[in-house]
C-alpha atoms as a PDB file:
ATOM      1  CA  UNK A   1      69.443  -1.525 209.037  1.00  0.00           C
ATOM      2  CA  UNK A   2      66.928   1.201 209.915  1.00  0.00           C
ATOM      3  CA  UNK A   3      68.979   3.748 207.966  1.00  0.00           C
ATOM      4  CA  UNK A   4      68.945   1.552 204.878  1.00  0.00           C
ATOM      5  CA  UNK A   5      65.206   0.977 205.251  1.00  0.00           C
ATOM      6  CA  UNK A   6      64.556   4.733 205.427  1.00  0.00           C
ATOM      7  CA  UNK A   7      66.796   5.327 202.411  1.00  0.00           C
ATOM      8  CA  UNK A   8      64.963   2.641 200.439  1.00  0.00           C
ATOM      9  CA  UNK A   9      61.645   4.269 201.348  1.00  0.00           C
ATOM     10  CA  UNK A  10      62.934   7.700 200.288  1.00  0.00           C
ATOM     11  CA  UNK A  11      64.168   6.332 196.958  1.00  0.00           C
ATOM     12  CA  UNK A  12      60.814   4.676 196.381  1.00  0.00           C
ATOM     13  CA  UNK A  13      59.162   8.033 197.052  1.00  0.00           C
ATOM     14  CA  UNK A  14      61.551   9.729 194.612  1.00  0.00           C
ATOM     15  CA  UNK A  15      60.599   7.200 191.929  1.00  0.00           C
ATOM     16  CA  UNK A  16      56.876   7.681 192.531  1.00  0.00           C
ATOM     17  CA  UNK A  17      57.264  11.464 192.661  1.00  0.00           C
ATOM     18  CA  UNK A  18      59.152  11.515 189.363  1.00  0.00           C
ATOM     19  CA  UNK A  19      56.420   9.428 187.734  1.00  0.00           C
ATOM     20  CA  UNK A  20      53.682  11.753 189.036  1.00  0.00           C
ATOM     21  CA  UNK A  21      55.634  14.843 187.964  1.00  0.00           C
ATOM     22  CA  UNK A  22      55.938  13.504 184.433  1.00  0.00           C
ATOM     23  CA  UNK A  23      52.235  12.699 184.306  1.00  0.00           C
ATOM     24  CA  UNK A  24      51.091  16.055 185.667  1.00  0.00           C
ATOM     25  CA  UNK A  25      53.772  18.180 183.947  1.00  0.00           C
ATOM     26  CA  UNK A  26      54.760  19.742 187.283  1.00  0.00           C
ATOM     27  CA  UNK A  27      58.215  20.087 188.759  1.00  0.00           C
ATOM     28  CA  UNK A  28      59.364  16.956 190.653  1.00  0.00           C
ATOM     29  CA  UNK A  29      60.487  19.126 193.588  1.00  0.00           C
ATOM     30  CA  UNK A  30      56.857  19.654 194.622  1.00  0.00           C
ATOM     31  CA  UNK A  31      56.291  15.912 194.826  1.00  0.00           C
ATOM     32  CA  UNK A  32      59.586  15.310 196.643  1.00  0.00           C
ATOM     33  CA  UNK A  33      58.578  17.807 199.328  1.00  0.00           C
ATOM     34  CA  UNK A  34      55.027  16.456 199.457  1.00  0.00           C
ATOM     35  CA  UNK A  35      56.225  12.881 199.840  1.00  0.00           C
ATOM     36  CA  UNK A  36      58.541  13.856 202.693  1.00  0.00           C
ATOM     37  CA  UNK A  37      55.722  15.698 204.461  1.00  0.00           C
ATOM     38  CA  UNK A  38      53.238  12.844 204.012  1.00  0.00           C
ATOM     39  CA  UNK A  39      55.773  10.217 205.086  1.00  0.00           C
ATOM     40  CA  UNK A  40      56.743  11.999 208.304  1.00  0.00           C
ATOM     41  CA  UNK A  41      53.155  12.811 209.277  1.00  0.00           C
ATOM     42  CA  UNK A  42      52.006   9.222 208.690  1.00  0.00           C
ATOM     43  CA  UNK A  43      54.923   7.725 210.613  1.00  0.00           C
ATOM     44  CA  UNK A  44      56.672   6.174 207.623  1.00  0.00           C
ATOM     45  CA  UNK A  45      59.721   8.369 208.262  1.00  0.00           C
ATOM     46  CA  UNK A  46      60.913   9.595 211.680  1.00  0.00           C
ATOM     47  CA  UNK A  47      60.614  13.249 212.683  1.00  0.00           C
ATOM     48  CA  UNK A  48      64.268  13.254 213.741  1.00  0.00           C
ATOM     49  CA  UNK A  49      66.369  12.028 210.853  1.00  0.00           C
ATOM     50  CA  UNK A  50      69.458   9.971 211.561  1.00  0.00           C
ATOM     51  CA  UNK A  51      72.937  11.450 210.977  1.00  0.00           C
ATOM     52  CA  UNK A  52      73.282   9.077 208.020  1.00  0.00           C
ATOM     53  CA  UNK A  53      70.218  10.431 206.204  1.00  0.00           C
ATOM     54  CA  UNK A  54      71.083  14.043 207.074  1.00  0.00           C
ATOM     55  CA  UNK A  55      74.622  13.580 205.769  1.00  0.00           C
ATOM     56  CA  UNK A  56      73.319  11.880 202.637  1.00  0.00           C
ATOM     57  CA  UNK A  57      70.968  14.810 201.986  1.00  0.00           C
ATOM     58  CA  UNK A  58      73.813  17.322 202.477  1.00  0.00           C
ATOM     59  CA  UNK A  59      75.818  15.487 199.843  1.00  0.00           C
ATOM     60  CA  UNK A  60      72.720  15.712 197.643  1.00  0.00           C
ATOM     61  CA  UNK A  61      72.430  19.510 197.764  1.00  0.00           C
ATOM     62  CA  UNK A  62      76.172  19.882 197.159  1.00  0.00           C
ATOM     63  CA  UNK A  63      75.879  17.679 194.058  1.00  0.00           C
ATOM     64  CA  UNK A  64      72.820  19.595 192.846  1.00  0.00           C
ATOM     65  CA  UNK A  65      74.486  22.995 193.119  1.00  0.00           C
ATOM     66  CA  UNK A  66      77.708  21.700 191.562  1.00  0.00           C
ATOM     67  CA  UNK A  67      75.773  20.226 188.633  1.00  0.00           C
ATOM     68  CA  UNK A  68      73.942  23.526 188.115  1.00  0.00           C
ATOM     69  CA  UNK A  69      77.205  25.471 188.173  1.00  0.00           C
ATOM     70  CA  UNK A  70      78.761  22.896 185.843  1.00  0.00           C
ATOM     71  CA  UNK A  71      76.135  23.785 183.234  1.00  0.00           C
ATOM     72  CA  UNK A  72      76.552  27.540 183.670  1.00  0.00           C
ATOM     73  CA  UNK A  73      78.970  29.830 181.860  1.00  0.00           C
ATOM     74  CA  UNK A  74      81.278  31.616 184.314  1.00  0.00           C
ATOM     75  CA  UNK A  75      81.479  34.779 182.209  1.00  0.00           C
ATOM     76  CA  UNK A  76      77.682  35.057 182.153  1.00  0.00           C
ATOM     77  CA  UNK A  77      77.635  34.688 185.939  1.00  0.00           C
ATOM     78  CA  UNK A  78      80.232  37.411 186.491  1.00  0.00           C
ATOM     79  CA  UNK A  79      78.569  39.853 184.109  1.00  0.00           C
ATOM     80  CA  UNK A  80      75.221  39.171 185.797  1.00  0.00           C
ATOM     81  CA  UNK A  81      76.506  40.263 189.229  1.00  0.00           C
ATOM     82  CA  UNK A  82      76.746  43.864 188.066  1.00  0.00           C
ATOM     83  CA  UNK A  83      73.160  43.748 186.853  1.00  0.00           C
ATOM     84  CA  UNK A  84      71.525  41.936 189.748  1.00  0.00           C
ATOM     85  CA  UNK A  85      72.797  43.750 192.845  1.00  0.00           C
ATOM     86  CA  UNK A  86      69.587  45.794 192.888  1.00  0.00           C
ATOM     87  CA  UNK A  87      67.498  42.634 192.632  1.00  0.00           C
ATOM     88  CA  UNK A  88      69.307  41.154 195.626  1.00  0.00           C
ATOM     89  CA  UNK A  89      68.888  44.383 197.594  1.00  0.00           C
ATOM     90  CA  UNK A  90      65.169  44.843 196.946  1.00  0.00           C
ATOM     91  CA  UNK A  91      64.565  41.101 197.182  1.00  0.00           C
ATOM     92  CA  UNK A  92      66.015  41.048 200.700  1.00  0.00           C
ATOM     93  CA  UNK A  93      64.645  44.296 202.114  1.00  0.00           C
ATOM     94  CA  UNK A  94      61.012  43.742 201.081  1.00  0.00           C
ATOM     95  CA  UNK A  95      60.460  40.335 202.784  1.00  0.00           C
ATOM     96  CA  UNK A  96      62.492  41.405 205.816  1.00  0.00           C
ATOM     97  CA  UNK A  97      60.390  44.504 206.437  1.00  0.00           C
ATOM     98  CA  UNK A  98      57.126  42.664 205.731  1.00  0.00           C
ATOM     99  CA  UNK A  99      57.868  39.767 208.083  1.00  0.00           C
ATOM    100  CA  UNK A 100      59.319  42.078 210.766  1.00  0.00           C
ATOM    101  CA  UNK A 101      56.290  44.376 210.774  1.00  0.00           C
ATOM    102  CA  UNK A 102      53.777  41.510 210.685  1.00  0.00           C
ATOM    103  CA  UNK A 103      55.446  39.631 213.561  1.00  0.00           C
ATOM    104  CA  UNK A 104      55.765  42.809 215.596  1.00  0.00           C
ATOM    105  CA  UNK A 105      52.064  43.544 215.054  1.00  0.00           C
ATOM    106  CA  UNK A 106      50.988  40.002 215.935  1.00  0.00           C
ATOM    107  CA  UNK A 107      53.103  39.355 219.026  1.00  0.00           C
ATOM    108  CA  UNK A 108      54.659  42.706 220.021  1.00  0.00           C
ATOM    109  CA  UNK A 109      58.106  41.165 220.551  1.00  0.00           C
ATOM    110  CA  UNK A 110      60.915  43.052 218.824  1.00  0.00           C
ATOM    111  CA  UNK A 111      63.423  40.214 219.101  1.00  0.00           C
ATOM    112  CA  UNK A 112      60.966  37.696 217.665  1.00  0.00           C
ATOM    113  CA  UNK A 113      60.092  40.128 214.876  1.00  0.00           C
ATOM    114  CA  UNK A 114      63.759  40.556 213.944  1.00  0.00           C
ATOM    115  CA  UNK A 115      64.260  36.794 213.769  1.00  0.00           C
ATOM    116  CA  UNK A 116      61.148  36.397 211.589  1.00  0.00           C
ATOM    117  CA  UNK A 117      62.407  39.119 209.267  1.00  0.00           C
ATOM    118  CA  UNK A 118      65.823  37.503 209.053  1.00  0.00           C
ATOM    119  CA  UNK A 119      64.291  34.106 208.248  1.00  0.00           C
ATOM    120  CA  UNK A 120      62.355  35.587 205.322  1.00  0.00           C
ATOM    121  CA  UNK A 121      65.443  37.079 203.668  1.00  0.00           C
ATOM    122  CA  UNK A 122      66.808  33.654 202.747  1.00  0.00           C
ATOM    123  CA  UNK A 123      66.473  32.598 199.116  1.00  0.00           C
ATOM    124  CA  UNK A 124      65.291  29.057 198.362  1.00  0.00           C
ATOM    125  CA  UNK A 125      67.621  29.005 195.387  1.00  0.00           C
ATOM    126  CA  UNK A 126      67.962  25.215 195.217  1.00  0.00           C
ATOM    127  CA  UNK A 127      64.200  24.790 194.898  1.00  0.00           C
ATOM    128  CA  UNK A 128      64.024  27.496 192.268  1.00  0.00           C
ATOM    129  CA  UNK A 129      66.968  26.293 190.201  1.00  0.00           C
ATOM    130  CA  UNK A 130      65.868  22.652 190.173  1.00  0.00           C
ATOM    131  CA  UNK A 131      62.370  23.770 189.190  1.00  0.00           C
ATOM    132  CA  UNK A 132      63.831  25.801 186.333  1.00  0.00           C
ATOM    133  CA  UNK A 133      65.920  22.831 185.279  1.00  0.00           C
ATOM    134  CA  UNK A 134      62.824  20.664 185.035  1.00  0.00           C
ATOM    135  CA  UNK A 135      61.587  23.188 182.485  1.00  0.00           C
ATOM    136  CA  UNK A 136      64.974  23.257 180.681  1.00  0.00           C
ATOM    137  CA  UNK A 137      65.562  26.844 181.804  1.00  0.00           C
ATOM    138  CA  UNK A 138      68.562  26.326 184.090  1.00  0.00           C
ATOM    139  CA  UNK A 139      70.939  28.177 181.750  1.00  0.00           C
ATOM    140  CA  UNK A 140      68.534  30.993 180.888  1.00  0.00           C
ATOM    141  CA  UNK A 141      69.174  34.628 181.739  1.00  0.00           C
ATOM    142  CA  UNK A 142      66.529  34.422 184.451  1.00  0.00           C
ATOM    143  CA  UNK A 143      68.269  31.464 186.104  1.00  0.00           C
ATOM    144  CA  UNK A 144      71.616  33.251 185.999  1.00  0.00           C
ATOM    145  CA  UNK A 145      70.039  36.319 187.576  1.00  0.00           C
ATOM    146  CA  UNK A 146      68.449  34.239 190.322  1.00  0.00           C
ATOM    147  CA  UNK A 147      71.730  32.556 191.188  1.00  0.00           C
ATOM    148  CA  UNK A 148      73.875  35.677 191.193  1.00  0.00           C
ATOM    149  CA  UNK A 149      71.370  37.636 193.270  1.00  0.00           C
ATOM    150  CA  UNK A 150      71.165  34.681 195.660  1.00  0.00           C
ATOM    151  CA  UNK A 151      74.950  34.727 196.147  1.00  0.00           C
ATOM    152  CA  UNK A 152      74.827  38.459 196.890  1.00  0.00           C
ATOM    153  CA  UNK A 153      71.876  37.830 199.183  1.00  0.00           C
ATOM    154  CA  UNK A 154      73.907  35.169 201.004  1.00  0.00           C
ATOM    155  CA  UNK A 155      76.634  37.704 201.742  1.00  0.00           C
ATOM    156  CA  UNK A 156      74.068  40.197 203.011  1.00  0.00           C
ATOM    157  CA  UNK A 157      72.461  37.528 205.184  1.00  0.00           C
ATOM    158  CA  UNK A 158      75.810  36.798 206.813  1.00  0.00           C
ATOM    159  CA  UNK A 159      76.089  40.460 207.766  1.00  0.00           C
ATOM    160  CA  UNK A 160      72.526  40.536 209.105  1.00  0.00           C
ATOM    161  CA  UNK A 161      73.122  37.401 211.156  1.00  0.00           C
ATOM    162  CA  UNK A 162      76.269  38.912 212.653  1.00  0.00           C
ATOM    163  CA  UNK A 163      74.407  42.107 213.541  1.00  0.00           C
ATOM    164  CA  UNK A 164      70.991  40.819 214.652  1.00  0.00           C
ATOM    165  CA  UNK A 165      71.721  37.566 216.487  1.00  0.00           C
ATOM    166  CA  UNK A 166      73.864  39.196 219.217  1.00  0.00           C
ATOM    167  CA  UNK A 167      71.183  41.888 219.605  1.00  0.00           C
ATOM    168  CA  UNK A 168      68.392  39.340 219.955  1.00  0.00           C
ATOM    169  CA  UNK A 169      70.211  36.940 222.247  1.00  0.00           C
ATOM    170  CA  UNK A 170      71.898  39.657 224.281  1.00  0.00           C
ATOM    171  CA  UNK A 171      75.226  37.869 223.929  1.00  0.00           C
ATOM    172  CA  UNK A 172      77.147  41.055 223.238  1.00  0.00           C
ATOM    173  CA  UNK A 173      77.506  44.185 221.186  1.00  0.00           C
ATOM    174  CA  UNK A 174      78.258  44.140 217.486  1.00  0.00           C
ATOM    175  CA  UNK A 175      81.463  45.876 216.540  1.00  0.00           C
ATOM    176  CA  UNK A 176      82.421  47.337 213.209  1.00  0.00           C
ATOM    177  CA  UNK A 177      85.313  44.883 213.216  1.00  0.00           C
ATOM    178  CA  UNK A 178      82.887  41.935 213.180  1.00  0.00           C
ATOM    179  CA  UNK A 179      81.133  43.271 210.101  1.00  0.00           C
ATOM    180  CA  UNK A 180      84.429  44.042 208.395  1.00  0.00           C
ATOM    181  CA  UNK A 181      85.605  40.511 209.141  1.00  0.00           C
ATOM    182  CA  UNK A 182      82.566  39.054 207.347  1.00  0.00           C
ATOM    183  CA  UNK A 183      83.194  41.284 204.343  1.00  0.00           C
ATOM    184  CA  UNK A 184      86.847  40.237 204.286  1.00  0.00           C
ATOM    185  CA  UNK A 185      85.889  36.557 204.410  1.00  0.00           C
ATOM    186  CA  UNK A 186      83.450  37.015 201.516  1.00  0.00           C
ATOM    187  CA  UNK A 187      86.057  38.812 199.407  1.00  0.00           C
ATOM    188  CA  UNK A 188      88.677  36.231 200.353  1.00  0.00           C
ATOM    189  CA  UNK A 189      86.432  33.347 199.292  1.00  0.00           C
ATOM    190  CA  UNK A 190      85.713  34.766 195.846  1.00  0.00           C
ATOM    191  CA  UNK A 191      89.368  35.768 195.453  1.00  0.00           C
ATOM    192  CA  UNK A 192      90.530  32.249 196.260  1.00  0.00           C
ATOM    193  CA  UNK A 193      88.003  30.721 193.858  1.00  0.00           C
ATOM    194  CA  UNK A 194      89.185  33.153 191.166  1.00  0.00           C
ATOM    195  CA  UNK A 195      92.806  32.188 191.787  1.00  0.00           C
ATOM    196  CA  UNK A 196      91.896  28.501 191.559  1.00  0.00           C
ATOM    197  CA  UNK A 197      89.957  29.040 188.345  1.00  0.00           C
ATOM    198  CA  UNK A 198      92.429  31.369 186.637  1.00  0.00           C
ATOM    199  CA  UNK A 199      95.858  30.079 187.666  1.00  0.00           C
ATOM    200  CA  UNK A 200      95.723  26.694 189.377  1.00  0.00           C
ATOM    201  CA  UNK A 201      93.357  24.626 187.214  1.00  0.00           C
ATOM    202  CA  UNK A 202      94.349  25.728 183.677  1.00  0.00           C
ATOM    203  CA  UNK A 203      97.618  24.878 181.951  1.00  0.00           C
ATOM    204  CA  UNK A 204      99.796  27.011 179.662  1.00  0.00           C
ATOM    205  CA  UNK A 205      99.191  30.028 181.871  1.00  0.00           C
ATOM    206  CA  UNK A 206     100.369  33.266 180.311  1.00  0.00           C
ATOM    207  CA  UNK A 207     101.165  35.115 183.502  1.00  0.00           C
ATOM    208  CA  UNK A 208     104.348  36.737 184.744  1.00  0.00           C
ATOM    209  CA  UNK A 209     103.415  35.651 188.245  1.00  0.00           C
ATOM    210  CA  UNK A 210     103.967  31.993 187.317  1.00  0.00           C
ATOM    211  CA  UNK A 211     106.634  32.482 184.637  1.00  0.00           C
ATOM    212  CA  UNK A 212     109.276  30.992 186.925  1.00  0.00           C
ATOM    213  CA  UNK A 213     107.144  28.043 188.000  1.00  0.00           C
ATOM    214  CA  UNK A 214     107.278  25.721 184.973  1.00  0.00           C
ATOM    215  CA  UNK A 215     105.429  22.867 186.667  1.00  0.00           C
ATOM    216  CA  UNK A 216     102.362  24.994 187.410  1.00  0.00           C
ATOM    217  CA  UNK A 217     102.653  26.741 184.065  1.00  0.00           C
ATOM    218  CA  UNK A 218     102.735  23.553 181.996  1.00  0.00           C
ATOM    219  CA  UNK A 219     100.431  21.246 183.925  1.00  0.00           C
ATOM    220  CA  UNK A 220      96.856  21.831 185.004  1.00  0.00           C
ATOM    221  CA  UNK A 221      93.524  20.123 185.482  1.00  0.00           C
ATOM    222  CA  UNK A 222      93.434  18.968 181.857  1.00  0.00           C
ATOM    223  CA  UNK A 223      96.412  16.692 182.431  1.00  0.00           C
ATOM    224  CA  UNK A 224      94.922  15.372 185.648  1.00  0.00           C
ATOM    225  CA  UNK A 225      91.588  14.639 183.962  1.00  0.00           C
ATOM    226  CA  UNK A 226      93.407  12.755 181.194  1.00  0.00           C
ATOM    227  CA  UNK A 227      94.724  10.195 183.673  1.00  0.00           C
ATOM    228  CA  UNK A 228      93.635   6.660 182.797  1.00  0.00           C
ATOM    229  CA  UNK A 229      92.078   7.946 179.552  1.00  0.00           C
ATOM    230  CA  UNK A 230      89.659  10.175 181.446  1.00  0.00           C
ATOM    231  CA  UNK A 231      88.025   7.357 183.399  1.00  0.00           C
ATOM    232  CA  UNK A 232      88.718   9.140 186.694  1.00  0.00           C
ATOM    233  CA  UNK A 233      87.301  12.492 185.541  1.00  0.00           C
ATOM    234  CA  UNK A 234      84.164  12.316 187.660  1.00  0.00           C
ATOM    235  CA  UNK A 235      86.108  11.459 190.805  1.00  0.00           C
ATOM    236  CA  UNK A 236      88.602  14.265 190.207  1.00  0.00           C
ATOM    237  CA  UNK A 237      86.105  17.059 189.641  1.00  0.00           C
ATOM    238  CA  UNK A 238      83.959  15.906 192.561  1.00  0.00           C
ATOM    239  CA  UNK A 239      87.063  16.055 194.748  1.00  0.00           C
ATOM    240  CA  UNK A 240      87.703  19.615 193.561  1.00  0.00           C
ATOM    241  CA  UNK A 241      84.057  20.530 194.225  1.00  0.00           C
ATOM    242  CA  UNK A 242      84.129  19.033 197.717  1.00  0.00           C
ATOM    243  CA  UNK A 243      87.286  20.906 198.671  1.00  0.00           C
ATOM    244  CA  UNK A 244      85.920  24.233 197.457  1.00  0.00           C
ATOM    245  CA  UNK A 245      82.684  23.493 199.343  1.00  0.00           C
ATOM    246  CA  UNK A 246      84.653  22.989 202.555  1.00  0.00           C
ATOM    247  CA  UNK A 247      86.542  26.214 201.857  1.00  0.00           C
ATOM    248  CA  UNK A 248      83.233  28.050 201.526  1.00  0.00           C
ATOM    249  CA  UNK A 249      82.006  26.590 204.809  1.00  0.00           C
ATOM    250  CA  UNK A 250      85.160  27.667 206.644  1.00  0.00           C
ATOM    251  CA  UNK A 251      84.635  31.221 205.391  1.00  0.00           C
ATOM    252  CA  UNK A 252      81.019  31.366 206.532  1.00  0.00           C
ATOM    253  CA  UNK A 253      79.093  30.277 203.428  1.00  0.00           C
ATOM    254  CA  UNK A 254      76.937  27.217 202.921  1.00  0.00           C
ATOM    255  CA  UNK A 255      78.912  24.408 201.237  1.00  0.00           C
ATOM    256  CA  UNK A 256      76.395  24.448 198.380  1.00  0.00           C
ATOM    257  CA  UNK A 257      77.569  27.966 197.432  1.00  0.00           C
ATOM    258  CA  UNK A 258      81.105  26.639 197.179  1.00  0.00           C
ATOM    259  CA  UNK A 259      79.918  23.703 195.087  1.00  0.00           C
ATOM    260  CA  UNK A 260      78.171  26.052 192.651  1.00  0.00           C
ATOM    261  CA  UNK A 261      81.300  28.182 192.324  1.00  0.00           C
ATOM    262  CA  UNK A 262      83.351  25.012 191.753  1.00  0.00           C
ATOM    263  CA  UNK A 263      81.020  24.086 188.912  1.00  0.00           C
ATOM    264  CA  UNK A 264      81.401  27.557 187.399  1.00  0.00           C
ATOM    265  CA  UNK A 265      85.185  27.351 187.097  1.00  0.00           C
ATOM    266  CA  UNK A 266      85.052  23.947 185.391  1.00  0.00           C
ATOM    267  CA  UNK A 267      85.423  24.371 181.626  1.00  0.00           C
ATOM    268  CA  UNK A 268      84.761  22.083 178.705  1.00  0.00           C
ATOM    269  CA  UNK A 269      88.317  22.553 177.444  1.00  0.00           C
ATOM    270  CA  UNK A 270      89.786  20.913 180.548  1.00  0.00           C
ATOM    271  CA  UNK A 271      88.353  17.572 179.397  1.00  0.00           C
ATOM    272  CA  UNK A 272      89.988  17.649 175.974  1.00  0.00           C
ATOM    273  CA  UNK A 273      92.882  15.252 176.458  1.00  0.00           C
ATOM    274  CA  UNK A 274      95.340  13.866 173.994  1.00  0.00           C
ATOM    275  CA  UNK A 275      93.834  10.415 173.415  1.00  0.00           C
ATOM    276  CA  UNK A 276      90.887   9.421 171.299  1.00  0.00           C
ATOM    277  CA  UNK A 277      89.047   7.902 174.263  1.00  0.00           C
ATOM    278  CA  UNK A 278      89.034  11.217 176.140  1.00  0.00           C
ATOM    279  CA  UNK A 279      87.065  13.120 173.512  1.00  0.00           C
ATOM    280  CA  UNK A 280      83.736  12.287 175.107  1.00  0.00           C
ATOM    281  CA  UNK A 281      85.031  12.651 178.673  1.00  0.00           C
ATOM    282  CA  UNK A 282      83.179  15.912 179.255  1.00  0.00           C
ATOM    283  CA  UNK A 283      79.829  14.569 178.039  1.00  0.00           C
ATOM    284  CA  UNK A 284      80.217  11.339 180.018  1.00  0.00           C
ATOM    285  CA  UNK A 285      81.200  13.173 183.206  1.00  0.00           C
ATOM    286  CA  UNK A 286      78.362  15.644 182.872  1.00  0.00           C
ATOM    287  CA  UNK A 287      75.884  12.830 182.311  1.00  0.00           C
ATOM    288  CA  UNK A 288      77.093  11.013 185.432  1.00  0.00           C
ATOM    289  CA  UNK A 289      76.990  14.184 187.543  1.00  0.00           C
ATOM    290  CA  UNK A 290      73.466  14.994 186.362  1.00  0.00           C
ATOM    291  CA  UNK A 291      72.317  11.451 187.068  1.00  0.00           C
ATOM    292  CA  UNK A 292      73.523  11.358 190.676  1.00  0.00           C
ATOM    293  CA  UNK A 293      72.496  14.964 191.348  1.00  0.00           C
ATOM    294  CA  UNK A 294      68.970  14.923 189.955  1.00  0.00           C
ATOM    295  CA  UNK A 295      67.947  11.254 189.967  1.00  0.00           C
ATOM    296  CA  UNK A 296      68.956   9.459 193.153  1.00  0.00           C
ATOM    297  CA  UNK A 297      71.182  11.442 195.556  1.00  0.00           C
ATOM    298  CA  UNK A 298      70.039  15.043 195.100  1.00  0.00           C
ATOM    299  CA  UNK A 299      66.290  14.316 195.523  1.00  0.00           C
ATOM    300  CA  UNK A 300      66.994  12.898 198.995  1.00  0.00           C
ATOM    301  CA  UNK A 301      67.679  16.475 200.108  1.00  0.00           C
ATOM    302  CA  UNK A 302      64.202  17.636 199.095  1.00  0.00           C
ATOM    303  CA  UNK A 303      62.471  14.631 200.643  1.00  0.00           C
ATOM    304  CA  UNK A 304      64.432  15.240 203.837  1.00  0.00           C
ATOM    305  CA  UNK A 305      63.390  18.901 203.661  1.00  0.00           C
ATOM    306  CA  UNK A 306      59.772  17.814 203.345  1.00  0.00           C
ATOM    307  CA  UNK A 307      60.043  15.795 206.560  1.00  0.00           C
ATOM    308  CA  UNK A 308      60.478  19.081 208.452  1.00  0.00           C
ATOM    309  CA  UNK A 309      56.820  19.898 207.667  1.00  0.00           C
ATOM    310  CA  UNK A 310      55.304  18.185 210.693  1.00  0.00           C
ATOM    311  CA  UNK A 311      51.577  18.886 210.969  1.00  0.00           C
ATOM    312  CA  UNK A 312      50.305  19.729 214.449  1.00  0.00           C
ATOM    313  CA  UNK A 313      46.566  20.561 214.375  1.00  0.00           C
ATOM    314  CA  UNK A 314      46.722  22.640 217.554  1.00  0.00           C
ATOM    315  CA  UNK A 315      49.587  24.817 216.327  1.00  0.00           C
ATOM    316  CA  UNK A 316      48.212  24.989 212.793  1.00  0.00           C
ATOM    317  CA  UNK A 317      44.775  26.301 213.721  1.00  0.00           C
ATOM    318  CA  UNK A 318      46.173  28.648 216.367  1.00  0.00           C
ATOM    319  CA  UNK A 319      48.266  30.580 213.802  1.00  0.00           C
ATOM    320  CA  UNK A 320      46.197  30.159 210.645  1.00  0.00           C
ATOM    321  CA  UNK A 321      45.150  33.827 210.603  1.00  0.00           C
ATOM    322  CA  UNK A 322      48.721  35.071 211.024  1.00  0.00           C
ATOM    323  CA  UNK A 323      49.937  32.603 208.404  1.00  0.00           C
ATOM    324  CA  UNK A 324      47.451  33.777 205.798  1.00  0.00           C
ATOM    325  CA  UNK A 325      48.173  37.452 206.432  1.00  0.00           C
ATOM    326  CA  UNK A 326      51.948  36.913 206.306  1.00  0.00           C
ATOM    327  CA  UNK A 327      51.674  34.824 203.123  1.00  0.00           C
ATOM    328  CA  UNK A 328      49.627  37.484 201.334  1.00  0.00           C
ATOM    329  CA  UNK A 329      51.927  40.234 202.583  1.00  0.00           C
ATOM    330  CA  UNK A 330      55.064  38.435 201.419  1.00  0.00           C
ATOM    331  CA  UNK A 331      53.500  37.661 198.049  1.00  0.00           C
ATOM    332  CA  UNK A 332      52.634  41.306 197.455  1.00  0.00           C
ATOM    333  CA  UNK A 333      55.986  42.631 198.703  1.00  0.00           C
ATOM    334  CA  UNK A 334      57.985  40.145 196.638  1.00  0.00           C
ATOM    335  CA  UNK A 335      56.104  40.897 193.431  1.00  0.00           C
ATOM    336  CA  UNK A 336      56.321  44.638 194.091  1.00  0.00           C
ATOM    337  CA  UNK A 337      60.048  44.494 194.861  1.00  0.00           C
ATOM    338  CA  UNK A 338      60.713  42.406 191.746  1.00  0.00           C
ATOM    339  CA  UNK A 339      58.783  44.914 189.642  1.00  0.00           C
ATOM    340  CA  UNK A 340      60.692  47.828 191.175  1.00  0.00           C
ATOM    341  CA  UNK A 341      64.037  46.108 190.569  1.00  0.00           C
ATOM    342  CA  UNK A 342      63.078  45.363 186.961  1.00  0.00           C
ATOM    343  CA  UNK A 343      62.021  48.969 186.396  1.00  0.00           C
ATOM    344  CA  UNK A 344      65.208  50.372 187.910  1.00  0.00           C
ATOM    345  CA  UNK A 345      67.421  47.855 186.119  1.00  0.00           C
ATOM    346  CA  UNK A 346      65.912  47.045 182.719  1.00  0.00           C
ATOM    347  CA  UNK A 347      69.006  45.066 181.711  1.00  0.00           C
ATOM    348  CA  UNK A 348      68.636  42.685 184.612  1.00  0.00           C
ATOM    349  CA  UNK A 349      68.895  38.981 183.927  1.00  0.00           C
ATOM    350  CA  UNK A 350      66.114  37.859 186.196  1.00  0.00           C
ATOM    351  CA  UNK A 351      64.521  38.306 189.584  1.00  0.00           C
ATOM    352  CA  UNK A 352      65.045  36.816 192.971  1.00  0.00           C
ATOM    353  CA  UNK A 353      62.606  34.135 193.984  1.00  0.00           C
ATOM    354  CA  UNK A 354      62.029  33.104 197.577  1.00  0.00           C
END
């Protein structure tokens, strides 16, 4: 019963936050985070969330990233990768160096400085993309650039984790084989997603590889989505998204990355069945996905994230100077790195936002 009570409180906070966001013309994400922080610091929500709430929030971020990928054009995403590699590179190096140097200056601990630098390389892409969506910019060139650079940044972060964590913890040396294994996993993941998108989901495949497999050649996701006049479309594509998310997790990525890629390979044409009732299947499915992702399941993730902001006066005032200096330093380095990336790559689709 306590889990249901906490969920009811979170949903009430989501409703209030959405109302305030509409009134103030600000992104709802800010209010979701603020509500979570206020609720945990006033005792309304526990500091340690239950497995039920944590699992519910994980489902929320998977749905959010799938919905965002569902709205994106896969060709735009692929073409953007070539343009945004420099953004990902500069956007990772600048905060890493800034946080590393600041932490090393403050506390003189190399291991702690490396961990601080690594923590600052992560991209809060979900916050950024949902904020852009609230402004109807989720399919803009900037949003595409942010997402593609974030995927590249995710791959780089995996390499950094593999290299730095053993150094910091002293658990062992890093071999070239370990780094190569991460690169192989990353390539394998995108290769598998490409195979799923190009040869497994579509029908009428014009490929010599499948010329002798008539079942795969003639039947694809379109036929599956047409089952029961398209009434099971939402369940089917969510099942596909969940499986690709688990595949991403097994290969070292966050499940949300897999969910976004699953959304990318979903096409409007797959929903065009042979019956009159299936004509609006795509619009209905997209509306349902958007509703659960951005109205009542997805926001739980951001409220849950806000509950991690536990205010301790002693800790807060003891590091306020370091916090201000690091915040200013990261702000300057991020803006400078974004400007440098834009100057070096004028055709870029956007910039990385942390």
